[in-house]
Amino acid sequence: MLTFRNTNIAFLILLGFTIWADKTYGVSWLAYGAIIFIYSLIVAYGCYFVSSGFFMPIYCAAKTTDKVIAITFDDGPVSEGTPQVLQILKDANVEAAFFCIGERIAGNETIIRQLDAEGHIIGNHSYTHAALFDLFPSKKMLTEMQQLDNELDKVISKKTKLFRPPYGVMNPNLKNAIIKGGYLPIGWSVRSYDTMATDADALLQKVTLQMKPGAILLFHDRCPVTVAMLPNFLGEVKAKGYRVVRVDKMLGLPAYQ
């Protein structure tokens, strides 16, 4: 399996061999450039494709042949979006996971309590979801995770166990923060890209085609197109013989600390 550790080992060996060859026979500087370029590509792949498990194992799907899936929503709570999603889920008797942004809890405490009361779970999606979150030092990343937990604890007396990286970006700093904080990283196997979608029917077709046993689907409750698509999607799930199971239950993980 391609990981950050074995990639570093392989490229250190390759670099050492190149240096030896350079001193012995002479090697073009292009060889060093090629090594750096390829290494950078591999690390970038590991950062932006969470399912690769490049930096650490991440839960992106359940290993099962049962026709079950889990639905997750990122970036809430929001007053325009989350309540509508909750009503749709309630009507369909479906439980989901909401990976929330900590600074959005204040002012939306009623929504948070409703999420909890209706059987959904709340995951950690950092406190600010800052544009440069993936460039933060590990200590600052952990502080953000704990800030969200403190806000959530004030509202429902619970602290999160499940964490989803902002923008889905992983790196060594975030790995260290996750481990130190005792969190469990949750990814996805179906990314809807609903933040860029405008056509509910096209979005429905896209995610339905990717659905398979054990899938974890990523949506955003702040997206109007998702709210519009969701009732039909849940209908398609049922029509195809699938059940929606809360992600912690499907993976056999604790939802809270």
C-alpha atoms as a PDB file:
ATOM      1  CA  MET A   1       0.000   0.000   0.000  1.00  0.00           C
ATOM      2  CA  LEU A   2       1.268   3.453  -0.900  1.00  0.00           C
ATOM      3  CA  THR A   3       1.787   5.466   2.297  1.00  0.00           C
ATOM      4  CA  PHE A   4       3.660   8.596   3.323  1.00  0.00           C
ATOM      5  CA  ARG A   5       6.188   6.501   5.257  1.00  0.00           C
ATOM      6  CA  ASN A   6       7.090   4.013   2.528  1.00  0.00           C
ATOM      7  CA  THR A   7       7.094   6.801  -0.071  1.00  0.00           C
ATOM      8  CA  ASN A   8       9.664   8.711   1.974  1.00  0.00           C
ATOM      9  CA  ILE A   9      11.789   5.596   2.374  1.00  0.00           C
ATOM     10  CA  ALA A  10      11.659   4.804  -1.337  1.00  0.00           C
ATOM     11  CA  PHE A  11      12.551   8.343  -2.387  1.00  0.00           C
ATOM     12  CA  LEU A  12      15.378   8.654   0.138  1.00  0.00           C
ATOM     13  CA  ILE A  13      16.873   5.462  -1.304  1.00  0.00           C
ATOM     14  CA  LEU A  14      16.383   6.788  -4.836  1.00  0.00           C
ATOM     15  CA  LEU A  15      17.920  10.138  -3.908  1.00  0.00           C
ATOM     16  CA  GLY A  16      20.884   8.424  -2.279  1.00  0.00           C
ATOM     17  CA  PHE A  17      21.445   6.299  -5.366  1.00  0.00           C
ATOM     18  CA  THR A  18      21.200   9.386  -7.594  1.00  0.00           C
ATOM     19  CA  ILE A  19      23.763  11.259  -5.497  1.00  0.00           C
ATOM     20  CA  TRP A  20      26.121   8.267  -5.699  1.00  0.00           C
ATOM     21  CA  ALA A  21      25.602   8.006  -9.455  1.00  0.00           C
ATOM     22  CA  ASP A  22      26.183  11.735  -9.816  1.00  0.00           C
ATOM     23  CA  LYS A  23      29.509  11.605  -7.978  1.00  0.00           C
ATOM     24  CA  THR A  24      30.582   8.448  -9.807  1.00  0.00           C
ATOM     25  CA  TYR A  25      29.394   9.024 -13.347  1.00  0.00           C
ATOM     26  CA  GLY A  26      27.806  12.457 -13.415  1.00  0.00           C
ATOM     27  CA  VAL A  27      24.037  12.933 -13.508  1.00  0.00           C
ATOM     28  CA  SER A  28      22.055  15.776 -15.038  1.00  0.00           C
ATOM     29  CA  TRP A  29      20.300  18.161 -12.660  1.00  0.00           C
ATOM     30  CA  LEU A  30      17.127  17.107 -14.456  1.00  0.00           C
ATOM     31  CA  ALA A  31      17.291  13.806 -12.582  1.00  0.00           C
ATOM     32  CA  TYR A  32      17.028  15.643  -9.250  1.00  0.00           C
ATOM     33  CA  GLY A  33      14.197  17.757 -10.626  1.00  0.00           C
ATOM     34  CA  ALA A  34      12.353  14.647 -11.780  1.00  0.00           C
ATOM     35  CA  ILE A  35      12.687  13.043  -8.341  1.00  0.00           C
ATOM     36  CA  ILE A  36      11.316  16.143  -6.597  1.00  0.00           C
ATOM     37  CA  PHE A  37       8.498  16.489  -9.115  1.00  0.00           C
ATOM     38  CA  ILE A  38       7.347  12.862  -8.850  1.00  0.00           C
ATOM     39  CA  TYR A  39       7.601  12.937  -5.053  1.00  0.00           C
ATOM     40  CA  SER A  40       5.496  16.104  -4.953  1.00  0.00           C
ATOM     41  CA  LEU A  41       2.847  14.544  -7.189  1.00  0.00           C
ATOM     42  CA  ILE A  42       2.555  11.480  -4.970  1.00  0.00           C
ATOM     43  CA  VAL A  43       2.292  13.556  -1.777  1.00  0.00           C
ATOM     44  CA  ALA A  44      -0.299  15.835  -3.398  1.00  0.00           C
ATOM     45  CA  TYR A  45      -2.306  12.746  -4.350  1.00  0.00           C
ATOM     46  CA  GLY A  46      -2.180  11.583  -0.724  1.00  0.00           C
ATOM     47  CA  CYS A  47      -3.299  14.996   0.538  1.00  0.00           C
ATOM     48  CA  TYR A  48      -6.288  15.418  -1.730  1.00  0.00           C
ATOM     49  CA  PHE A  49      -7.587  11.851  -2.026  1.00  0.00           C
ATOM     50  CA  VAL A  50      -8.556  10.863   1.497  1.00  0.00           C
ATOM     51  CA  SER A  51      -9.598   7.371   0.458  1.00  0.00           C
ATOM     52  CA  SER A  52      -5.952   6.617  -0.351  1.00  0.00           C
ATOM     53  CA  GLY A  53      -5.133   6.372   3.358  1.00  0.00           C
ATOM     54  CA  PHE A  54      -1.758   7.848   2.431  1.00  0.00           C
ATOM     55  CA  PHE A  55      -1.077   9.518   5.777  1.00  0.00           C
ATOM     56  CA  MET A  56      -3.279   7.390   8.014  1.00  0.00           C
ATOM     57  CA  PRO A  57      -6.184   4.936   7.683  1.00  0.00           C
ATOM     58  CA  ILE A  58      -9.489   6.755   7.095  1.00  0.00           C
ATOM     59  CA  TYR A  59     -12.958   5.262   7.206  1.00  0.00           C
ATOM     60  CA  CYS A  60     -14.390   5.850   3.724  1.00  0.00           C
ATOM     61  CA  ALA A  61     -16.802   2.921   3.381  1.00  0.00           C
ATOM     62  CA  ALA A  62     -17.987  -0.182   5.169  1.00  0.00           C
ATOM     63  CA  LYS A  63     -16.821  -3.595   4.041  1.00  0.00           C
ATOM     64  CA  THR A  64     -20.158  -5.298   3.504  1.00  0.00           C
ATOM     65  CA  THR A  65     -22.310  -6.943   0.884  1.00  0.00           C
ATOM     66  CA  ASP A  66     -25.490  -5.782   2.628  1.00  0.00           C
ATOM     67  CA  LYS A  67     -27.360  -3.086   0.755  1.00  0.00           C
ATOM     68  CA  VAL A  68     -26.731  -0.354   3.301  1.00  0.00           C
ATOM     69  CA  ILE A  69     -25.364   3.157   2.863  1.00  0.00           C
ATOM     70  CA  ALA A  70     -24.658   6.112   5.135  1.00  0.00           C
ATOM     71  CA  ILE A  71     -25.534   9.731   4.404  1.00  0.00           C
ATOM     72  CA  THR A  72     -23.402  12.565   5.767  1.00  0.00           C
ATOM     73  CA  PHE A  73     -23.731  16.338   5.589  1.00  0.00           C
ATOM     74  CA  ASP A  74     -20.935  18.883   5.984  1.00  0.00           C
ATOM     75  CA  ASP A  75     -20.669  22.593   6.862  1.00  0.00           C
ATOM     76  CA  GLY A  76     -23.775  23.089   8.997  1.00  0.00           C
ATOM     77  CA  PRO A  77     -25.638  24.029  10.972  1.00  0.00           C
ATOM     78  CA  VAL A  78     -27.247  26.720   8.829  1.00  0.00           C
ATOM     79  CA  SER A  79     -30.676  28.257   9.355  1.00  0.00           C
ATOM     80  CA  GLU A  80     -31.474  27.974   5.641  1.00  0.00           C
ATOM     81  CA  GLY A  81     -30.852  24.369   4.769  1.00  0.00           C
ATOM     82  CA  THR A  82     -30.366  22.246   7.884  1.00  0.00           C
ATOM     83  CA  PRO A  83     -33.991  22.467   9.134  1.00  0.00           C
ATOM     84  CA  GLN A  84     -35.281  21.532   5.673  1.00  0.00           C
ATOM     85  CA  VAL A  85     -32.926  18.562   5.499  1.00  0.00           C
ATOM     86  CA  LEU A  86     -34.004  17.459   8.961  1.00  0.00           C
ATOM     87  CA  GLN A  87     -37.655  17.507   7.949  1.00  0.00           C
ATOM     88  CA  ILE A  88     -36.949  15.427   4.851  1.00  0.00           C
ATOM     89  CA  LEU A  89     -34.986  12.889   6.888  1.00  0.00           C
ATOM     90  CA  LYS A  90     -37.731  12.758   9.519  1.00  0.00           C
ATOM     91  CA  ASP A  91     -40.388  12.135   6.888  1.00  0.00           C
ATOM     92  CA  ALA A  92     -38.305   9.254   5.514  1.00  0.00           C
ATOM     93  CA  ASN A  93     -37.394   7.917   8.982  1.00  0.00           C
ATOM     94  CA  VAL A  94     -33.690   8.227   8.174  1.00  0.00           C
ATOM     95  CA  GLU A  95     -30.769   8.984  10.487  1.00  0.00           C
ATOM     96  CA  ALA A  96     -27.662  10.776   9.232  1.00  0.00           C
ATOM     97  CA  ALA A  97     -24.399  12.326  10.382  1.00  0.00           C
ATOM     98  CA  PHE A  98     -23.783  16.069  10.328  1.00  0.00           C
ATOM     99  CA  PHE A  99     -20.157  17.212  10.374  1.00  0.00           C
ATOM    100  CA  CYS A 100     -20.558  20.676  11.784  1.00  0.00           C
ATOM    101  CA  ILE A 101     -18.437  23.820  11.854  1.00  0.00           C
ATOM    102  CA  GLY A 102     -17.935  24.992  15.431  1.00  0.00           C
ATOM    103  CA  GLU A 103     -18.392  28.716  14.916  1.00  0.00           C
ATOM    104  CA  ARG A 104     -21.830  28.037  13.405  1.00  0.00           C
ATOM    105  CA  ILE A 105     -23.165  26.413  16.572  1.00  0.00           C
ATOM    106  CA  ALA A 106     -23.721  29.706  18.414  1.00  0.00           C
ATOM    107  CA  GLY A 107     -27.048  31.073  17.255  1.00  0.00           C
ATOM    108  CA  ASN A 108     -28.126  27.659  15.950  1.00  0.00           C
ATOM    109  CA  GLU A 109     -28.406  25.848  19.269  1.00  0.00           C
ATOM    110  CA  THR A 110     -32.016  24.875  18.563  1.00  0.00           C
ATOM    111  CA  ILE A 111     -30.934  23.095  15.380  1.00  0.00           C
ATOM    112  CA  ILE A 112     -28.163  21.272  17.226  1.00  0.00           C
ATOM    113  CA  ARG A 113     -30.599  20.078  19.869  1.00  0.00           C
ATOM    114  CA  GLN A 114     -33.015  18.956  17.161  1.00  0.00           C
ATOM    115  CA  LEU A 115     -30.249  17.013  15.399  1.00  0.00           C
ATOM    116  CA  ASP A 116     -29.456  15.211  18.605  1.00  0.00           C
ATOM    117  CA  ALA A 117     -33.074  14.618  19.641  1.00  0.00           C
ATOM    118  CA  GLU A 118     -34.032  13.138  16.261  1.00  0.00           C
ATOM    119  CA  GLY A 119     -31.310  10.499  16.335  1.00  0.00           C
ATOM    120  CA  HIS A 120     -28.676  12.086  14.122  1.00  0.00           C
ATOM    121  CA  ILE A 121     -25.059  12.383  15.180  1.00  0.00           C
ATOM    122  CA  ILE A 122     -22.786  15.399  15.085  1.00  0.00           C
ATOM    123  CA  GLY A 123     -19.234  15.083  13.847  1.00  0.00           C
ATOM    124  CA  ASN A 124     -16.314  17.479  14.005  1.00  0.00           C
ATOM    125  CA  HIS A 125     -15.485  19.559  10.926  1.00  0.00           C
ATOM    126  CA  SER A 126     -13.182  22.035  12.728  1.00  0.00           C
ATOM    127  CA  TYR A 127     -14.164  25.298  14.362  1.00  0.00           C
ATOM    128  CA  THR A 128     -13.688  27.729  11.472  1.00  0.00           C
ATOM    129  CA  HIS A 129     -13.243  25.571   8.346  1.00  0.00           C
ATOM    130  CA  ALA A 130     -10.622  28.170   7.421  1.00  0.00           C
ATOM    131  CA  ALA A 131      -9.429  28.348   3.815  1.00  0.00           C
ATOM    132  CA  LEU A 132      -5.873  27.688   4.981  1.00  0.00           C
ATOM    133  CA  PHE A 133      -6.757  25.066   7.603  1.00  0.00           C
ATOM    134  CA  ASP A 134      -4.545  22.449   5.952  1.00  0.00           C
ATOM    135  CA  LEU A 135      -1.542  24.795   6.392  1.00  0.00           C
ATOM    136  CA  PHE A 136      -2.078  25.233  10.140  1.00  0.00           C
ATOM    137  CA  PRO A 137       0.421  23.706  12.581  1.00  0.00           C
ATOM    138  CA  SER A 138      -0.802  20.567  14.305  1.00  0.00           C
ATOM    139  CA  LYS A 139      -1.387  22.334  17.624  1.00  0.00           C
ATOM    140  CA  LYS A 140      -3.678  24.917  16.033  1.00  0.00           C
ATOM    141  CA  MET A 141      -5.618  22.211  14.188  1.00  0.00           C
ATOM    142  CA  LEU A 142      -6.205  20.363  17.451  1.00  0.00           C
ATOM    143  CA  THR A 143      -7.259  23.592  19.160  1.00  0.00           C
ATOM    144  CA  GLU A 144      -9.914  24.084  16.474  1.00  0.00           C
ATOM    145  CA  MET A 145     -11.267  20.568  16.950  1.00  0.00           C
ATOM    146  CA  GLN A 146     -11.426  21.043  20.701  1.00  0.00           C
ATOM    147  CA  GLN A 147     -13.100  24.436  20.320  1.00  0.00           C
ATOM    148  CA  LEU A 148     -15.944  22.773  18.445  1.00  0.00           C
ATOM    149  CA  ASP A 149     -16.220  20.124  21.135  1.00  0.00           C
ATOM    150  CA  ASN A 150     -16.443  22.779  23.829  1.00  0.00           C
ATOM    151  CA  GLU A 151     -19.240  24.567  21.967  1.00  0.00           C
ATOM    152  CA  LEU A 152     -21.124  21.322  21.388  1.00  0.00           C
ATOM    153  CA  ASP A 153     -20.707  20.288  25.003  1.00  0.00           C
ATOM    154  CA  LYS A 154     -22.401  23.510  26.110  1.00  0.00           C
ATOM    155  CA  VAL A 155     -25.478  22.645  24.028  1.00  0.00           C
ATOM    156  CA  ILE A 156     -25.953  18.852  24.264  1.00  0.00           C
ATOM    157  CA  SER A 157     -23.283  17.787  26.792  1.00  0.00           C
ATOM    158  CA  LYS A 158     -21.457  15.667  24.220  1.00  0.00           C
ATOM    159  CA  LYS A 159     -18.045  15.812  22.576  1.00  0.00           C
ATOM    160  CA  THR A 160     -17.347  14.460  19.118  1.00  0.00           C
ATOM    161  CA  LYS A 161     -15.346  11.371  18.290  1.00  0.00           C
ATOM    162  CA  LEU A 162     -15.715  11.414  14.495  1.00  0.00           C
ATOM    163  CA  PHE A 163     -13.752  14.013  12.517  1.00  0.00           C
ATOM    164  CA  ARG A 164     -13.904  14.958   8.854  1.00  0.00           C
ATOM    165  CA  PRO A 165     -11.059  17.095   7.444  1.00  0.00           C
ATOM    166  CA  PRO A 166     -12.096  20.471   6.039  1.00  0.00           C
ATOM    167  CA  TYR A 167     -11.976  20.314   2.221  1.00  0.00           C
ATOM    168  CA  GLY A 168     -11.084  16.637   2.583  1.00  0.00           C
ATOM    169  CA  VAL A 169      -7.380  17.452   2.763  1.00  0.00           C
ATOM    170  CA  MET A 170      -5.026  15.318   4.864  1.00  0.00           C
ATOM    171  CA  ASN A 171      -1.386  15.911   5.801  1.00  0.00           C
ATOM    172  CA  PRO A 172       1.101  14.933   8.549  1.00  0.00           C
ATOM    173  CA  ASN A 173       0.090  17.850  10.800  1.00  0.00           C
ATOM    174  CA  LEU A 174      -3.560  16.858  10.689  1.00  0.00           C
ATOM    175  CA  LYS A 175      -2.698  13.218  11.279  1.00  0.00           C
ATOM    176  CA  ASN A 176      -0.858  14.198  14.463  1.00  0.00           C
ATOM    177  CA  ALA A 177      -3.770  16.365  15.626  1.00  0.00           C
ATOM    178  CA  ILE A 178      -6.278  13.572  15.005  1.00  0.00           C
ATOM    179  CA  ILE A 179      -4.195  11.046  16.932  1.00  0.00           C
ATOM    180  CA  LYS A 180      -3.458  13.399  19.833  1.00  0.00           C
ATOM    181  CA  GLY A 181      -7.125  14.363  20.123  1.00  0.00           C
ATOM    182  CA  GLY A 182      -8.295  10.751  20.004  1.00  0.00           C
ATOM    183  CA  TYR A 183     -10.540  11.325  16.987  1.00  0.00           C
ATOM    184  CA  LEU A 184     -11.553   8.882  14.271  1.00  0.00           C
ATOM    185  CA  PRO A 185     -11.212  10.256  10.712  1.00  0.00           C
ATOM    186  CA  ILE A 186     -14.219   9.813   8.439  1.00  0.00           C
ATOM    187  CA  GLY A 187     -14.021  10.216   4.673  1.00  0.00           C
ATOM    188  CA  TRP A 188     -16.452   9.165   1.965  1.00  0.00           C
ATOM    189  CA  SER A 189     -16.733   6.886  -1.039  1.00  0.00           C
ATOM    190  CA  VAL A 190     -19.237   9.044  -2.948  1.00  0.00           C
ATOM    191  CA  ARG A 191     -18.517  12.769  -3.149  1.00  0.00           C
ATOM    192  CA  SER A 192     -21.544  14.521  -4.584  1.00  0.00           C
ATOM    193  CA  TYR A 193     -19.823  17.838  -5.374  1.00  0.00           C
ATOM    194  CA  ASP A 194     -23.192  19.395  -4.606  1.00  0.00           C
ATOM    195  CA  THR A 195     -21.468  22.698  -3.821  1.00  0.00           C
ATOM    196  CA  MET A 196     -20.874  23.034  -7.561  1.00  0.00           C
ATOM    197  CA  ALA A 197     -24.134  21.481  -8.757  1.00  0.00           C
ATOM    198  CA  THR A 198     -27.077  23.483 -10.061  1.00  0.00           C
ATOM    199  CA  ASP A 199     -29.332  20.773 -11.484  1.00  0.00           C
ATOM    200  CA  ALA A 200     -31.078  18.577  -8.888  1.00  0.00           C
ATOM    201  CA  ASP A 201     -31.947  15.871 -11.423  1.00  0.00           C
ATOM    202  CA  ALA A 202     -28.359  15.628 -12.656  1.00  0.00           C
ATOM    203  CA  LEU A 203     -27.102  15.463  -9.068  1.00  0.00           C
ATOM    204  CA  LEU A 204     -29.613  12.721  -8.272  1.00  0.00           C
ATOM    205  CA  GLN A 205     -28.520  10.647 -11.259  1.00  0.00           C
ATOM    206  CA  LYS A 206     -24.844  11.113 -10.422  1.00  0.00           C
ATOM    207  CA  VAL A 207     -25.004   9.964  -6.796  1.00  0.00           C
ATOM    208  CA  THR A 208     -27.492   7.170  -7.497  1.00  0.00           C
ATOM    209  CA  LEU A 209     -25.202   5.629 -10.108  1.00  0.00           C
ATOM    210  CA  GLN A 210     -22.292   5.594  -7.609  1.00  0.00           C
ATOM    211  CA  MET A 211     -24.280   3.969  -4.819  1.00  0.00           C
ATOM    212  CA  LYS A 212     -23.120   0.540  -3.703  1.00  0.00           C
ATOM    213  CA  PRO A 213     -23.116  -1.524  -0.476  1.00  0.00           C
ATOM    214  CA  GLY A 214     -21.271   0.182   2.367  1.00  0.00           C
ATOM    215  CA  ALA A 215     -21.019   3.553   0.627  1.00  0.00           C
ATOM    216  CA  ILE A 216     -20.622   6.787   2.583  1.00  0.00           C
ATOM    217  CA  LEU A 217     -22.137   9.714   0.715  1.00  0.00           C
ATOM    218  CA  LEU A 218     -21.012  13.303   1.206  1.00  0.00           C
ATOM    219  CA  PHE A 219     -23.539  16.139   0.884  1.00  0.00           C
ATOM    220  CA  HIS A 220     -23.815  19.692   2.237  1.00  0.00           C
ATOM    221  CA  ASP A 221     -26.957  20.770   4.054  1.00  0.00           C
ATOM    222  CA  ARG A 222     -26.244  24.385   3.088  1.00  0.00           C
ATOM    223  CA  CYS A 223     -26.818  23.662  -0.619  1.00  0.00           C
ATOM    224  CA  PRO A 224     -30.332  24.357  -1.998  1.00  0.00           C
ATOM    225  CA  VAL A 225     -29.784  21.828  -4.784  1.00  0.00           C
ATOM    226  CA  THR A 226     -29.212  19.122  -2.173  1.00  0.00           C
ATOM    227  CA  VAL A 227     -32.403  20.029  -0.331  1.00  0.00           C
ATOM    228  CA  ALA A 228     -34.285  19.823  -3.638  1.00  0.00           C
ATOM    229  CA  MET A 229     -32.722  16.495  -4.605  1.00  0.00           C
ATOM    230  CA  LEU A 230     -32.844  14.717  -1.241  1.00  0.00           C
ATOM    231  CA  PRO A 231     -36.478  13.466  -1.184  1.00  0.00           C
ATOM    232  CA  ASN A 232     -36.096  11.874  -4.610  1.00  0.00           C
ATOM    233  CA  PHE A 233     -32.737  10.404  -3.647  1.00  0.00           C
ATOM    234  CA  LEU A 234     -34.184   8.744  -0.556  1.00  0.00           C
ATOM    235  CA  GLY A 235     -36.956   7.383  -2.754  1.00  0.00           C
ATOM    236  CA  GLU A 236     -34.393   5.922  -5.150  1.00  0.00           C
ATOM    237  CA  VAL A 237     -32.489   4.378  -2.249  1.00  0.00           C
ATOM    238  CA  LYS A 238     -35.613   2.560  -1.095  1.00  0.00           C
ATOM    239  CA  ALA A 239     -36.614   1.565  -4.625  1.00  0.00           C
ATOM    240  CA  LYS A 240     -33.237  -0.072  -5.185  1.00  0.00           C
ATOM    241  CA  GLY A 241     -33.541  -2.090  -1.990  1.00  0.00           C
ATOM    242  CA  TYR A 242     -31.033  -0.120   0.067  1.00  0.00           C
ATOM    243  CA  ARG A 243     -31.296   1.032   3.664  1.00  0.00           C
ATOM    244  CA  VAL A 244     -29.755   4.183   5.101  1.00  0.00           C
ATOM    245  CA  VAL A 245     -27.806   3.463   8.295  1.00  0.00           C
ATOM    246  CA  ARG A 246     -26.117   6.062  10.463  1.00  0.00           C
ATOM    247  CA  VAL A 247     -22.422   6.110   9.651  1.00  0.00           C
ATOM    248  CA  ASP A 248     -21.214   5.236  13.164  1.00  0.00           C
ATOM    249  CA  LYS A 249     -23.554   2.243  13.261  1.00  0.00           C
ATOM    250  CA  MET A 250     -22.580   1.091   9.796  1.00  0.00           C
ATOM    251  CA  LEU A 251     -18.875   1.266  10.662  1.00  0.00           C
ATOM    252  CA  GLY A 252     -19.256   0.015  14.245  1.00  0.00           C
ATOM    253  CA  LEU A 253     -17.662   3.128  15.742  1.00  0.00           C
ATOM    254  CA  PRO A 254     -18.450   5.253  18.803  1.00  0.00           C
ATOM    255  CA  ALA A 255     -20.159   8.513  17.864  1.00  0.00           C
ATOM    256  CA  TYR A 256     -18.961  10.516  20.863  1.00  0.00           C
ATOM    257  CA  GLN A 257     -16.142  10.597  23.388  1.00  0.00           C
END
